[in-house]
């Protein structure tokens, strides 16, 4: 039976691929874009910028929603810190705590 010379041993080639993902995402993105033609690079940059803006908009909406919920609880006279999550959900849906 013939076995390759390396059988049973790992080479160091796999280690280099492990460290590639440790770069800053911005640097990694720029490295990928550097290998593309200029027209393709421009298209991808615009797409990535739109995705970033969309993510930022979603974060802002979540923050605004949390603020509105907190404000509603305060106007109803509840202390947010003393409520369990299920109580908070019920109060926000119905406006009062069940008895």
PDB file of N, CA and C in Angstrom:
ATOM      1  N   UNK A   1       0.844  -1.185   0.000  1.00  0.00           N
ATOM      2  CA  UNK A   1       0.000   0.000   0.000  1.00  0.00           C
ATOM      3  C   UNK A   1       0.884   1.241   0.000  1.00  0.00           C
ATOM      4  N   UNK A   2       0.580   2.167  -0.898  1.00  0.00           N
ATOM      5  CA  UNK A   2       1.356   3.396  -1.010  1.00  0.00           C
ATOM      6  C   UNK A   2       0.677   4.511  -0.234  1.00  0.00           C
ATOM      7  N   UNK A   3       1.411   5.206   0.619  1.00  0.00           N
ATOM      8  CA  UNK A   3       0.905   6.362   1.355  1.00  0.00           C
ATOM      9  C   UNK A   3       1.733   7.580   0.974  1.00  0.00           C
ATOM     10  N   UNK A   4       1.081   8.708   0.804  1.00  0.00           N
ATOM     11  CA  UNK A   4       1.850   9.917   0.509  1.00  0.00           C
ATOM     12  C   UNK A   4       2.805  10.235   1.661  1.00  0.00           C
ATOM     13  N   UNK A   5       3.835  10.952   1.357  1.00  0.00           N
ATOM     14  CA  UNK A   5       4.866  11.256   2.342  1.00  0.00           C
ATOM     15  C   UNK A   5       4.315  12.021   3.546  1.00  0.00           C
ATOM     16  N   UNK A   6       3.321  12.900   3.353  1.00  0.00           N
ATOM     17  CA  UNK A   6       2.760  13.725   4.413  1.00  0.00           C
ATOM     18  C   UNK A   6       1.652  13.045   5.201  1.00  0.00           C
ATOM     19  N   UNK A   7       1.270  11.846   4.871  1.00  0.00           N
ATOM     20  CA  UNK A   7       0.086  11.268   5.495  1.00  0.00           C
ATOM     21  C   UNK A   7       0.226  11.240   7.009  1.00  0.00           C
ATOM     22  N   UNK A   8      -0.833  11.664   7.685  1.00  0.00           N
ATOM     23  CA  UNK A   8      -0.831  11.670   9.134  1.00  0.00           C
ATOM     24  C   UNK A   8      -0.249  12.937   9.739  1.00  0.00           C
ATOM     25  N   UNK A   9       0.351  13.783   8.938  1.00  0.00           N
ATOM     26  CA  UNK A   9       0.916  15.032   9.454  1.00  0.00           C
ATOM     27  C   UNK A   9       0.241  16.211   8.775  1.00  0.00           C
ATOM     28  N   UNK A  10       0.046  17.267   9.545  1.00  0.00           N
ATOM     29  CA  UNK A  10      -0.529  18.469   8.944  1.00  0.00           C
ATOM     30  C   UNK A  10       0.602  19.384   8.506  1.00  0.00           C
ATOM     31  N   UNK A  11       0.350  20.080   7.429  1.00  0.00           N
ATOM     32  CA  UNK A  11       1.319  21.069   6.996  1.00  0.00           C
ATOM     33  C   UNK A  11       0.937  22.414   7.596  1.00  0.00           C
ATOM     34  N   UNK A  12       1.793  23.376   7.500  1.00  0.00           N
ATOM     35  CA  UNK A  12       1.523  24.689   8.081  1.00  0.00           C
ATOM     36  C   UNK A  12       0.674  25.560   7.166  1.00  0.00           C
ATOM     37  N   UNK A  13       0.305  25.094   6.017  1.00  0.00           N
ATOM     38  CA  UNK A  13      -0.504  25.883   5.091  1.00  0.00           C
ATOM     39  C   UNK A  13      -1.874  26.229   5.641  1.00  0.00           C
ATOM     40  N   UNK A  14      -2.448  25.349   6.442  1.00  0.00           N
ATOM     41  CA  UNK A  14      -3.775  25.599   6.998  1.00  0.00           C
ATOM     42  C   UNK A  14      -3.752  26.687   8.061  1.00  0.00           C
ATOM     43  N   UNK A  15      -2.599  26.927   8.693  1.00  0.00           N
ATOM     44  CA  UNK A  15      -2.511  27.915   9.768  1.00  0.00           C
ATOM     45  C   UNK A  15      -2.674  29.320   9.207  1.00  0.00           C
ATOM     46  N   UNK A  16      -2.142  29.592   8.043  1.00  0.00           N
ATOM     47  CA  UNK A  16      -2.243  30.924   7.453  1.00  0.00           C
ATOM     48  C   UNK A  16      -3.690  31.315   7.212  1.00  0.00           C
ATOM     49  N   UNK A  17      -4.528  30.349   6.849  1.00  0.00           N
ATOM     50  CA  UNK A  17      -5.927  30.675   6.591  1.00  0.00           C
ATOM     51  C   UNK A  17      -6.670  30.982   7.872  1.00  0.00           C
ATOM     52  N   UNK A  18      -6.196  30.489   9.007  1.00  0.00           N
ATOM     53  CA  UNK A  18      -6.850  30.751  10.285  1.00  0.00           C
ATOM     54  C   UNK A  18      -6.697  32.201  10.698  1.00  0.00           C
ATOM     55  N   UNK A  19      -5.580  32.820  10.335  1.00  0.00           N
ATOM     56  CA  UNK A  19      -5.309  34.175  10.791  1.00  0.00           C
ATOM     57  C   UNK A  19      -5.827  35.245   9.846  1.00  0.00           C
ATOM     58  N   UNK A  20      -6.296  34.878   8.688  1.00  0.00           N
ATOM     59  CA  UNK A  20      -6.794  35.852   7.732  1.00  0.00           C
ATOM     60  C   UNK A  20      -8.014  36.574   8.275  1.00  0.00           C
ATOM     61  N   UNK A  21      -8.902  35.882   8.981  1.00  0.00           N
ATOM     62  CA  UNK A  21     -10.126  36.475   9.489  1.00  0.00           C
ATOM     63  C   UNK A  21      -9.919  37.397  10.667  1.00  0.00           C
ATOM     64  N   UNK A  22      -8.704  37.503  11.197  1.00  0.00           N
ATOM     65  CA  UNK A  22      -8.450  38.336  12.360  1.00  0.00           C
ATOM     66  C   UNK A  22      -8.190  39.786  12.005  1.00  0.00           C
ATOM     67  N   UNK A  23      -8.206  40.128  10.734  1.00  0.00           N
ATOM     68  CA  UNK A  23      -7.991  41.501  10.323  1.00  0.00           C
ATOM     69  C   UNK A  23      -9.227  42.329  10.642  1.00  0.00           C
ATOM     70  N   UNK A  24      -9.026  43.632  10.658  1.00  0.00           N
ATOM     71  CA  UNK A  24     -10.134  44.551  10.815  1.00  0.00           C
ATOM     72  C   UNK A  24     -11.058  44.383   9.615  1.00  0.00           C
ATOM     73  N   UNK A  25     -12.381  44.335   9.815  1.00  0.00           N
ATOM     74  CA  UNK A  25     -13.291  44.133   8.681  1.00  0.00           C
ATOM     75  C   UNK A  25     -13.113  45.175   7.578  1.00  0.00           C
ATOM     76  N   UNK A  26     -12.803  46.403   7.960  1.00  0.00           N
ATOM     77  CA  UNK A  26     -12.587  47.453   6.952  1.00  0.00           C
ATOM     78  C   UNK A  26     -11.354  47.132   6.097  1.00  0.00           C
ATOM     79  N   UNK A  27     -10.270  46.706   6.750  1.00  0.00           N
ATOM     80  CA  UNK A  27      -9.047  46.375   6.014  1.00  0.00           C
ATOM     81  C   UNK A  27      -9.268  45.167   5.104  1.00  0.00           C
ATOM     82  N   UNK A  28      -9.988  44.187   5.629  1.00  0.00           N
ATOM     83  CA  UNK A  28     -10.270  42.996   4.847  1.00  0.00           C
ATOM     84  C   UNK A  28     -11.098  43.357   3.616  1.00  0.00           C
ATOM     85  N   UNK A  29     -12.079  44.235   3.802  1.00  0.00           N
ATOM     86  CA  UNK A  29     -12.929  44.664   2.693  1.00  0.00           C
ATOM     87  C   UNK A  29     -12.102  45.402   1.642  1.00  0.00           C
ATOM     88  N   UNK A  30     -11.209  46.290   2.100  1.00  0.00           N
ATOM     89  CA  UNK A  30     -10.367  47.036   1.166  1.00  0.00           C
ATOM     90  C   UNK A  30      -9.431  46.095   0.402  1.00  0.00           C
ATOM     91  N   UNK A  31      -8.937  45.069   1.078  1.00  0.00           N
ATOM     92  CA  UNK A  31      -8.054  44.114   0.409  1.00  0.00           C
ATOM     93  C   UNK A  31      -8.805  43.370  -0.685  1.00  0.00           C
ATOM     94  N   UNK A  32     -10.050  43.004  -0.417  1.00  0.00           N
ATOM     95  CA  UNK A  32     -10.854  42.335  -1.443  1.00  0.00           C
ATOM     96  C   UNK A  32     -11.133  43.262  -2.611  1.00  0.00           C
ATOM     97  N   UNK A  33     -11.466  44.522  -2.295  1.00  0.00           N
ATOM     98  CA  UNK A  33     -11.793  45.474  -3.350  1.00  0.00           C
ATOM     99  C   UNK A  33     -10.581  45.827  -4.202  1.00  0.00           C
ATOM    100  N   UNK A  34      -9.401  45.770  -3.640  1.00  0.00           N
ATOM    101  CA  UNK A  34      -8.192  46.141  -4.376  1.00  0.00           C
ATOM    102  C   UNK A  34      -7.943  45.217  -5.565  1.00  0.00           C
ATOM    103  N   UNK A  35      -8.432  43.991  -5.487  1.00  0.00           N
ATOM    104  CA  UNK A  35      -8.198  43.032  -6.569  1.00  0.00           C
ATOM    105  C   UNK A  35      -9.220  43.137  -7.686  1.00  0.00           C
ATOM    106  N   UNK A  36     -10.217  43.984  -7.526  1.00  0.00           N
ATOM    107  CA  UNK A  36     -11.283  44.094  -8.524  1.00  0.00           C
ATOM    108  C   UNK A  36     -11.030  45.251  -9.484  1.00  0.00           C
ATOM    109  N   UNK A  37     -11.633  45.189 -10.656  1.00  0.00           N
ATOM    110  CA  UNK A  37     -11.550  46.329 -11.568  1.00  0.00           C
ATOM    111  C   UNK A  37     -12.255  47.546 -10.964  1.00  0.00           C
ATOM    112  N   UNK A  38     -11.889  48.727 -11.415  1.00  0.00           N
ATOM    113  CA  UNK A  38     -12.403  49.971 -10.829  1.00  0.00           C
ATOM    114  C   UNK A  38     -13.927  50.060 -10.894  1.00  0.00           C
ATOM    115  N   UNK A  39     -14.526  49.682 -12.017  1.00  0.00           N
ATOM    116  CA  UNK A  39     -15.980  49.798 -12.156  1.00  0.00           C
ATOM    117  C   UNK A  39     -16.699  48.871 -11.184  1.00  0.00           C
ATOM    118  N   UNK A  40     -16.155  47.681 -11.011  1.00  0.00           N
ATOM    119  CA  UNK A  40     -16.756  46.709 -10.096  1.00  0.00           C
ATOM    120  C   UNK A  40     -16.574  47.170  -8.644  1.00  0.00           C
ATOM    121  N   UNK A  41     -15.413  47.741  -8.377  1.00  0.00           N
ATOM    122  CA  UNK A  41     -15.107  48.256  -7.043  1.00  0.00           C
ATOM    123  C   UNK A  41     -16.085  49.359  -6.652  1.00  0.00           C
ATOM    124  N   UNK A  42     -16.379  50.262  -7.594  1.00  0.00           N
ATOM    125  CA  UNK A  42     -17.325  51.350  -7.332  1.00  0.00           C
ATOM    126  C   UNK A  42     -18.721  50.810  -7.024  1.00  0.00           C
ATOM    127  N   UNK A  43     -19.149  49.821  -7.787  1.00  0.00           N
ATOM    128  CA  UNK A  43     -20.467  49.225  -7.565  1.00  0.00           C
ATOM    129  C   UNK A  43     -20.534  48.590  -6.184  1.00  0.00           C
ATOM    130  N   UNK A  44     -19.510  47.832  -5.818  1.00  0.00           N
ATOM    131  CA  UNK A  44     -19.493  47.170  -4.510  1.00  0.00           C
ATOM    132  C   UNK A  44     -19.423  48.168  -3.366  1.00  0.00           C
ATOM    133  N   UNK A  45     -18.653  49.235  -3.549  1.00  0.00           N
ATOM    134  CA  UNK A  45     -18.578  50.262  -2.494  1.00  0.00           C
ATOM    135  C   UNK A  45     -19.928  50.910  -2.269  1.00  0.00           C
ATOM    136  N   UNK A  46     -20.635  51.220  -3.352  1.00  0.00           N
ATOM    137  CA  UNK A  46     -21.970  51.812  -3.216  1.00  0.00           C
ATOM    138  C   UNK A  46     -22.917  50.854  -2.507  1.00  0.00           C
ATOM    139  N   UNK A  47     -22.857  49.581  -2.877  1.00  0.00           N
ATOM    140  CA  UNK A  47     -23.718  48.571  -2.264  1.00  0.00           C
ATOM    141  C   UNK A  47     -23.415  48.439  -0.770  1.00  0.00           C
ATOM    142  N   UNK A  48     -22.131  48.381  -0.417  1.00  0.00           N
ATOM    143  CA  UNK A  48     -21.737  48.270   0.978  1.00  0.00           C
ATOM    144  C   UNK A  48     -22.155  49.506   1.778  1.00  0.00           C
ATOM    145  N   UNK A  49     -22.031  50.670   1.171  1.00  0.00           N
ATOM    146  CA  UNK A  49     -22.438  51.905   1.853  1.00  0.00           C
ATOM    147  C   UNK A  49     -23.941  51.912   2.101  1.00  0.00           C
ATOM    148  N   UNK A  50     -24.717  51.441   1.127  1.00  0.00           N
ATOM    149  CA  UNK A  50     -26.167  51.355   1.305  1.00  0.00           C
ATOM    150  C   UNK A  50     -26.521  50.380   2.427  1.00  0.00           C
ATOM    151  N   UNK A  51     -25.797  49.245   2.493  1.00  0.00           N
ATOM    152  CA  UNK A  51     -26.041  48.270   3.558  1.00  0.00           C
ATOM    153  C   UNK A  51     -25.724  48.868   4.925  1.00  0.00           C
ATOM    154  N   UNK A  52     -24.629  49.617   5.019  1.00  0.00           N
ATOM    155  CA  UNK A  52     -24.264  50.259   6.289  1.00  0.00           C
ATOM    156  C   UNK A  52     -25.326  51.261   6.713  1.00  0.00           C
ATOM    157  N   UNK A  53     -25.807  52.044   5.750  1.00  0.00           N
ATOM    158  CA  UNK A  53     -26.846  53.032   6.062  1.00  0.00           C
ATOM    159  C   UNK A  53     -28.124  52.347   6.528  1.00  0.00           C
ATOM    160  N   UNK A  54     -28.476  51.243   5.884  1.00  0.00           N
ATOM    161  CA  UNK A  54     -29.679  50.494   6.262  1.00  0.00           C
ATOM    162  C   UNK A  54     -29.543  49.929   7.680  1.00  0.00           C
ATOM    163  N   UNK A  55     -28.374  49.373   7.995  1.00  0.00           N
ATOM    164  CA  UNK A  55     -28.139  48.845   9.339  1.00  0.00           C
ATOM    165  C   UNK A  55     -28.227  49.958  10.379  1.00  0.00           C
ATOM    166  N   UNK A  56     -27.653  51.097  10.067  1.00  0.00           N
ATOM    167  CA  UNK A  56     -27.695  52.245  10.984  1.00  0.00           C
ATOM    168  C   UNK A  56     -29.132  52.721  11.188  1.00  0.00           C
ATOM    169  N   UNK A  57     -29.894  52.747  10.105  1.00  0.00           N
ATOM    170  CA  UNK A  57     -31.285  53.163  10.198  1.00  0.00           C
ATOM    171  C   UNK A  57     -32.085  52.196  11.073  1.00  0.00           C
ATOM    172  N   UNK A  58     -31.838  50.899  10.922  1.00  0.00           N
ATOM    173  CA  UNK A  58     -32.522  49.898  11.735  1.00  0.00           C
ATOM    174  C   UNK A  58     -32.165  50.041  13.207  1.00  0.00           C
ATOM    175  N   UNK A  59     -30.890  50.317  13.492  1.00  0.00           N
ATOM    176  CA  UNK A  59     -30.472  50.524  14.876  1.00  0.00           C
ATOM    177  C   UNK A  59     -31.179  51.734  15.475  1.00  0.00           C
ATOM    178  N   UNK A  60     -31.259  52.803  14.688  1.00  0.00           N
ATOM    179  CA  UNK A  60     -31.921  54.010  15.169  1.00  0.00           C
ATOM    180  C   UNK A  60     -33.401  53.742  15.433  1.00  0.00           C
ATOM    181  N   UNK A  61     -34.043  52.960  14.567  1.00  0.00           N
ATOM    182  CA  UNK A  61     -35.451  52.624  14.771  1.00  0.00           C
ATOM    183  C   UNK A  61     -35.643  51.812  16.048  1.00  0.00           C
ATOM    184  N   UNK A  62     -34.744  50.872  16.305  1.00  0.00           N
ATOM    185  CA  UNK A  62     -34.830  50.063  17.522  1.00  0.00           C
ATOM    186  C   UNK A  62     -34.661  50.931  18.763  1.00  0.00           C
ATOM    187  N   UNK A  63     -33.705  51.852  18.722  1.00  0.00           N
ATOM    188  CA  UNK A  63     -33.481  52.753  19.849  1.00  0.00           C
ATOM    189  C   UNK A  63     -34.707  53.621  20.076  1.00  0.00           C
ATOM    190  N   UNK A  64     -35.279  54.142  18.986  1.00  0.00           N
ATOM    191  CA  UNK A  64     -36.474  54.980  19.089  1.00  0.00           C
ATOM    192  C   UNK A  64     -37.653  54.193  19.664  1.00  0.00           C
ATOM    193  N   UNK A  65     -37.816  52.958  19.235  1.00  0.00           N
ATOM    194  CA  UNK A  65     -38.898  52.112  19.736  1.00  0.00           C
ATOM    195  C   UNK A  65     -38.736  51.855  21.232  1.00  0.00           C
ATOM    196  N   UNK A  66     -37.501  51.581  21.661  1.00  0.00           N
ATOM    197  CA  UNK A  66     -37.238  51.350  23.083  1.00  0.00           C
ATOM    198  C   UNK A  66     -37.541  52.605  23.898  1.00  0.00           C
ATOM    199  N   UNK A  67     -37.186  53.759  23.367  1.00  0.00           N
ATOM    200  CA  UNK A  67     -37.476  55.022  24.061  1.00  0.00           C
ATOM    201  C   UNK A  67     -38.975  55.251  24.185  1.00  0.00           C
ATOM    202  N   UNK A  68     -39.701  54.977  23.107  1.00  0.00           N
ATOM    203  CA  UNK A  68     -41.155  55.153  23.135  1.00  0.00           C
ATOM    204  C   UNK A  68     -41.808  54.215  24.139  1.00  0.00           C
ATOM    205  N   UNK A  69     -41.332  52.960  24.191  1.00  0.00           N
ATOM    206  CA  UNK A  69     -41.888  52.003  25.154  1.00  0.00           C
ATOM    207  C   UNK A  69     -41.603  52.449  26.585  1.00  0.00           C
ATOM    208  N   UNK A  70     -40.391  52.908  26.819  1.00  0.00           N
ATOM    209  CA  UNK A  70     -40.022  53.383  28.148  1.00  0.00           C
ATOM    210  C   UNK A  70     -40.873  54.581  28.543  1.00  0.00           C
ATOM    211  N   UNK A  71     -41.080  55.485  27.614  1.00  0.00           N
ATOM    212  CA  UNK A  71     -41.916  56.672  27.860  1.00  0.00           C
ATOM    213  C   UNK A  71     -43.352  56.266  28.171  1.00  0.00           C
ATOM    214  N   UNK A  72     -43.876  55.300  27.438  1.00  0.00           N
ATOM    215  CA  UNK A  72     -45.246  54.842  27.672  1.00  0.00           C
ATOM    216  C   UNK A  72     -45.392  54.235  29.066  1.00  0.00           C
ATOM    217  N   UNK A  73     -44.409  53.433  29.471  1.00  0.00           N
ATOM    218  CA  UNK A  73     -44.444  52.840  30.805  1.00  0.00           C
ATOM    219  C   UNK A  73     -44.398  53.920  31.883  1.00  0.00           C
ATOM    220  N   UNK A  74     -43.581  54.938  31.683  1.00  0.00           N
ATOM    221  CA  UNK A  74     -43.491  56.024  32.666  1.00  0.00           C
ATOM    222  C   UNK A  74     -44.786  56.815  32.743  1.00  0.00           C
ATOM    223  N   UNK A  75     -45.407  57.061  31.595  1.00  0.00           N
ATOM    224  CA  UNK A  75     -46.662  57.820  31.623  1.00  0.00           C
ATOM    225  C   UNK A  75     -47.786  57.024  32.268  1.00  0.00           C
ATOM    226  N   UNK A  76     -47.699  55.699  32.209  1.00  0.00           N
ATOM    227  CA  UNK A  76     -48.702  54.863  32.863  1.00  0.00           C
ATOM    228  C   UNK A  76     -48.406  54.687  34.355  1.00  0.00           C
ATOM    229  N   UNK A  77     -47.240  55.173  34.810  1.00  0.00           N
ATOM    230  CA  UNK A  77     -46.913  55.150  36.221  1.00  0.00           C
ATOM    231  C   UNK A  77     -46.173  53.915  36.684  1.00  0.00           C
ATOM    232  N   UNK A  78     -45.550  53.178  35.795  1.00  0.00           N
ATOM    233  CA  UNK A  78     -44.812  51.969  36.166  1.00  0.00           C
ATOM    234  C   UNK A  78     -43.319  52.254  36.218  1.00  0.00           C
ATOM    235  N   UNK A  79     -42.642  51.582  37.159  1.00  0.00           N
ATOM    236  CA  UNK A  79     -41.194  51.653  37.232  1.00  0.00           C
ATOM    237  C   UNK A  79     -40.645  50.499  36.393  1.00  0.00           C
ATOM    238  N   UNK A  80     -39.969  50.846  35.347  1.00  0.00           N
ATOM    239  CA  UNK A  80     -39.482  49.854  34.381  1.00  0.00           C
ATOM    240  C   UNK A  80     -38.559  48.821  35.025  1.00  0.00           C
ATOM    241  N   UNK A  81     -37.752  49.237  35.987  1.00  0.00           N
ATOM    242  CA  UNK A  81     -36.784  48.344  36.619  1.00  0.00           C
ATOM    243  C   UNK A  81     -37.463  47.262  37.460  1.00  0.00           C
ATOM    244  N   UNK A  82     -38.669  47.510  37.925  1.00  0.00           N
ATOM    245  CA  UNK A  82     -39.350  46.556  38.802  1.00  0.00           C
ATOM    246  C   UNK A  82     -40.253  45.581  38.059  1.00  0.00           C
ATOM    247  N   UNK A  83     -40.356  45.732  36.759  1.00  0.00           N
ATOM    248  CA  UNK A  83     -41.242  44.878  35.970  1.00  0.00           C
ATOM    249  C   UNK A  83     -40.479  43.703  35.373  1.00  0.00           C
ATOM    250  N   UNK A  84     -41.122  42.550  35.362  1.00  0.00           N
ATOM    251  CA  UNK A  84     -40.583  41.391  34.658  1.00  0.00           C
ATOM    252  C   UNK A  84     -40.831  41.598  33.160  1.00  0.00           C
ATOM    253  N   UNK A  85     -40.040  40.949  32.310  1.00  0.00           N
ATOM    254  CA  UNK A  85     -40.235  41.127  30.866  1.00  0.00           C
ATOM    255  C   UNK A  85     -41.654  40.805  30.400  1.00  0.00           C
ATOM    256  N   UNK A  86     -42.275  39.766  30.947  1.00  0.00           N
ATOM    257  CA  UNK A  86     -43.629  39.410  30.511  1.00  0.00           C
ATOM    258  C   UNK A  86     -44.631  40.476  30.951  1.00  0.00           C
ATOM    259  N   UNK A  87     -44.402  41.088  32.139  1.00  0.00           N
ATOM    260  CA  UNK A  87     -45.298  42.143  32.598  1.00  0.00           C
ATOM    261  C   UNK A  87     -45.178  43.364  31.683  1.00  0.00           C
ATOM    262  N   UNK A  88     -43.957  43.662  31.317  1.00  0.00           N
ATOM    263  CA  UNK A  88     -43.715  44.810  30.446  1.00  0.00           C
ATOM    264  C   UNK A  88     -44.441  44.631  29.105  1.00  0.00           C
ATOM    265  N   UNK A  89     -44.355  43.416  28.550  1.00  0.00           N
ATOM    266  CA  UNK A  89     -45.025  43.155  27.272  1.00  0.00           C
ATOM    267  C   UNK A  89     -46.530  43.312  27.400  1.00  0.00           C
ATOM    268  N   UNK A  90     -47.102  42.772  28.490  1.00  0.00           N
ATOM    269  CA  UNK A  90     -48.556  42.851  28.680  1.00  0.00           C
ATOM    270  C   UNK A  90     -48.984  44.305  28.840  1.00  0.00           C
ATOM    271  N   UNK A  91     -48.244  45.055  29.635  1.00  0.00           N
ATOM    272  CA  UNK A  91     -48.593  46.461  29.860  1.00  0.00           C
ATOM    273  C   UNK A  91     -48.520  47.241  28.556  1.00  0.00           C
ATOM    274  N   UNK A  92     -47.485  47.013  27.774  1.00  0.00           N
ATOM    275  CA  UNK A  92     -47.344  47.745  26.517  1.00  0.00           C
ATOM    276  C   UNK A  92     -48.433  47.373  25.524  1.00  0.00           C
ATOM    277  N   UNK A  93     -48.886  46.134  25.550  1.00  0.00           N
ATOM    278  CA  UNK A  93     -49.949  45.724  24.628  1.00  0.00           C
ATOM    279  C   UNK A  93     -51.316  46.214  25.069  1.00  0.00           C
ATOM    280  N   UNK A  94     -51.615  46.074  26.359  1.00  0.00           N
ATOM    281  CA  UNK A  94     -52.961  46.370  26.843  1.00  0.00           C
ATOM    282  C   UNK A  94     -53.051  47.679  27.614  1.00  0.00           C
ATOM    283  N   UNK A  95     -51.927  48.157  28.134  1.00  0.00           N
ATOM    284  CA  UNK A  95     -51.971  49.410  28.866  1.00  0.00           C
ATOM    285  C   UNK A  95     -52.200  49.249  30.363  1.00  0.00           C
ATOM    286  N   UNK A  96     -52.370  48.033  30.855  1.00  0.00           N
ATOM    287  CA  UNK A  96     -52.533  47.825  32.286  1.00  0.00           C
ATOM    288  C   UNK A  96     -52.026  46.444  32.657  1.00  0.00           C
ATOM    289  N   UNK A  97     -51.758  46.249  33.922  1.00  0.00           N
ATOM    290  CA  UNK A  97     -51.227  44.974  34.391  1.00  0.00           C
ATOM    291  C   UNK A  97     -52.392  44.037  34.733  1.00  0.00           C
ATOM    292  N   UNK A  98     -52.317  42.751  34.380  1.00  0.00           N
ATOM    293  CA  UNK A  98     -53.410  41.839  34.690  1.00  0.00           C
ATOM    294  C   UNK A  98     -53.458  41.497  36.181  1.00  0.00           C
ATOM    295  N   UNK A  99     -54.678  41.226  36.680  1.00  0.00           N
ATOM    296  CA  UNK A  99     -54.813  40.925  38.108  1.00  0.00           C
ATOM    297  C   UNK A  99     -55.223  39.501  38.328  1.00  0.00           C
TER     298      UNK A  99
END
